[in-house]
Structures are given as C-alpha cells and as structure tokens.
Protein backbone atom coordinates (compact mmCIF):
# COMPACT_ATOMS: atom_id res chain seq x y z
CA UNK A 1 28.37 186.26 47.33
CA UNK A 2 30.27 182.93 47.39
CA UNK A 3 31.30 181.82 50.87
CA UNK A 4 34.12 179.15 51.22
CA UNK A 5 34.64 177.71 54.75
CA UNK A 6 37.67 175.62 55.44
CA UNK A 7 38.04 173.59 58.75
CA UNK A 8 41.45 171.22 59.01
CA UNK A 9 42.61 169.42 62.18
CA UNK A 10 46.09 170.52 61.18
CA UNK A 11 48.03 173.39 62.11
CA UNK A 12 48.69 176.06 59.53
CA UNK A 13 50.50 179.33 59.20
CA UNK A 14 49.16 182.86 57.74
CA UNK A 15 51.49 181.75 54.63
CA UNK A 16 49.44 178.65 53.99
CA UNK A 17 46.23 180.17 55.05
CA UNK A 18 46.63 183.00 52.09
CA UNK A 19 47.70 180.38 49.79
CA UNK A 20 44.49 178.26 50.51
CA UNK A 21 42.48 181.71 50.35
CA UNK A 22 44.15 182.36 46.86
CA UNK A 23 43.47 179.13 45.56
CA UNK A 24 39.89 178.19 46.44
CA UNK A 25 38.81 181.97 45.88
CA UNK A 26 40.83 182.16 42.74
CA UNK A 27 39.29 179.08 41.39
CA UNK A 28 35.57 180.02 42.45
CA UNK A 29 35.26 181.77 38.72
CA UNK A 30 34.72 178.32 37.21
CA UNK A 31 31.14 179.02 38.54
CA UNK A 32 29.19 181.48 36.29
CA UNK A 33 28.88 184.75 37.50
CA UNK A 34 31.18 184.06 40.73
CA UNK A 35 34.05 186.45 40.37
CA UNK A 36 36.90 185.95 43.00
CA UNK A 37 36.31 189.72 44.09
CA UNK A 38 33.02 188.72 45.61
CA UNK A 39 33.97 185.45 47.63
CA UNK A 40 34.60 185.33 51.28
CA UNK A 41 36.94 182.91 52.72
CA UNK A 42 36.94 181.56 56.10
CA UNK A 43 40.06 179.01 57.17
CA UNK A 44 39.80 177.53 60.77
CA UNK A 45 42.99 175.38 61.71
CA UNK A 46 43.65 172.83 64.80
CA UNK A 47 40.02 171.91 64.95
CA UNK A 48 39.09 168.54 66.77
CA UNK A 49 37.68 166.50 63.97
CA UNK A 50 36.72 162.88 63.63
CA UNK A 51 36.06 160.82 60.68
CA UNK A 52 34.41 157.26 61.28
CA UNK A 53 34.94 157.96 65.19
CA UNK A 54 38.65 158.23 64.72
CA UNK A 55 40.69 161.27 65.31
CA UNK A 56 43.23 162.31 62.30
CA UNK A 57 44.50 164.43 59.55
CA UNK A 58 41.18 165.93 58.17
CA UNK A 59 39.76 168.93 56.40
CA UNK A 60 36.09 169.95 55.27
CA UNK A 61 35.42 172.52 52.59
CA UNK A 62 32.02 174.05 52.33
CA UNK A 63 31.08 176.29 49.58
CA UNK A 64 27.81 178.29 49.69
CA UNK A 65 26.59 179.72 46.42
CA UNK A 66 23.54 181.69 45.60
CA UNK A 67 21.66 179.87 42.75
CA UNK A 68 21.90 176.64 41.28
CA UNK A 69 25.14 175.97 39.46
CA UNK A 70 26.09 173.04 36.64
CA UNK A 71 27.21 169.93 38.22
CA UNK A 72 30.22 169.53 36.37
CA UNK A 73 31.44 172.73 37.89
CA UNK A 74 30.83 171.36 41.21
CA UNK A 75 32.94 168.21 40.37
CA UNK A 76 35.72 170.45 38.69
CA UNK A 77 35.95 172.61 41.83
CA UNK A 78 35.96 169.88 44.38
CA UNK A 79 38.86 168.08 42.66
CA UNK A 80 41.06 171.36 42.40
CA UNK A 81 40.10 172.11 46.20
CA UNK A 82 40.94 168.73 47.53
CA UNK A 83 44.32 168.68 45.65
CA UNK A 84 45.26 172.01 46.73
CA UNK A 85 44.60 171.12 50.43
CA UNK A 86 46.49 168.10 50.36
CA UNK A 87 49.33 169.88 48.73
CA UNK A 88 49.34 172.82 51.39
CA UNK A 89 48.32 171.33 54.25
CA UNK A 90 49.23 167.55 54.59
CA UNK A 91 52.47 167.83 52.48
CA UNK A 92 53.61 171.26 54.48
CA UNK A 93 52.92 169.79 58.10
CA UNK A 94 54.70 166.52 57.40
CA UNK A 95 57.68 168.39 56.20
CA UNK A 96 57.98 170.26 59.44
CA UNK A 97 57.59 167.26 61.69
C-alpha cells in the first residue's frame, strides 16, 4: 500500500486538502502496480517548518512504496507533486491574504 504524507507550514482548508489527496493519490498509478484505490494519504497543515534555519512557506512530500520502482517514475511523480502543491497551497493562500 503506497503511503503519501504531506506536511506544510501553510494553512489549508478541507477543499484544498481533498484536491491534494485527489491529485497526489490519483497520480500514484504512474508507479507500476500502485493503484489509487490502495493509497493512503496524510495531510498536515500549519506545521512549524524551517529550511536553512529560516521559517517560511514550506512543504514536504514523503512517498513510501513497497518494492523498488523505476527511477524515472519518481522524477515524474515528484515534478507533478511539486507543481500541484505550488498551485493549490501557495497561490490559494496568497489569494486570501
């Protein structure tokens, strides 16, 4: 069972969390033998996060998979995940401030 964990310093609402779950969970099928129907997603917002000792808008995505996967699928998944979080979290929060 794939496990996806998202932690962000930003505040998100249920609607955004559902979109993150759908986007990251739906895209897990790019990994061979990993259907969306078997994925678990955990989303935590408003975490105290620091990068280089500096607090700021930050997000961490962790994906745990059973068995090794082709390297190119990790790259493809990562690009899509980063783009999704940028659009949904950072731009959404900017629009409400």
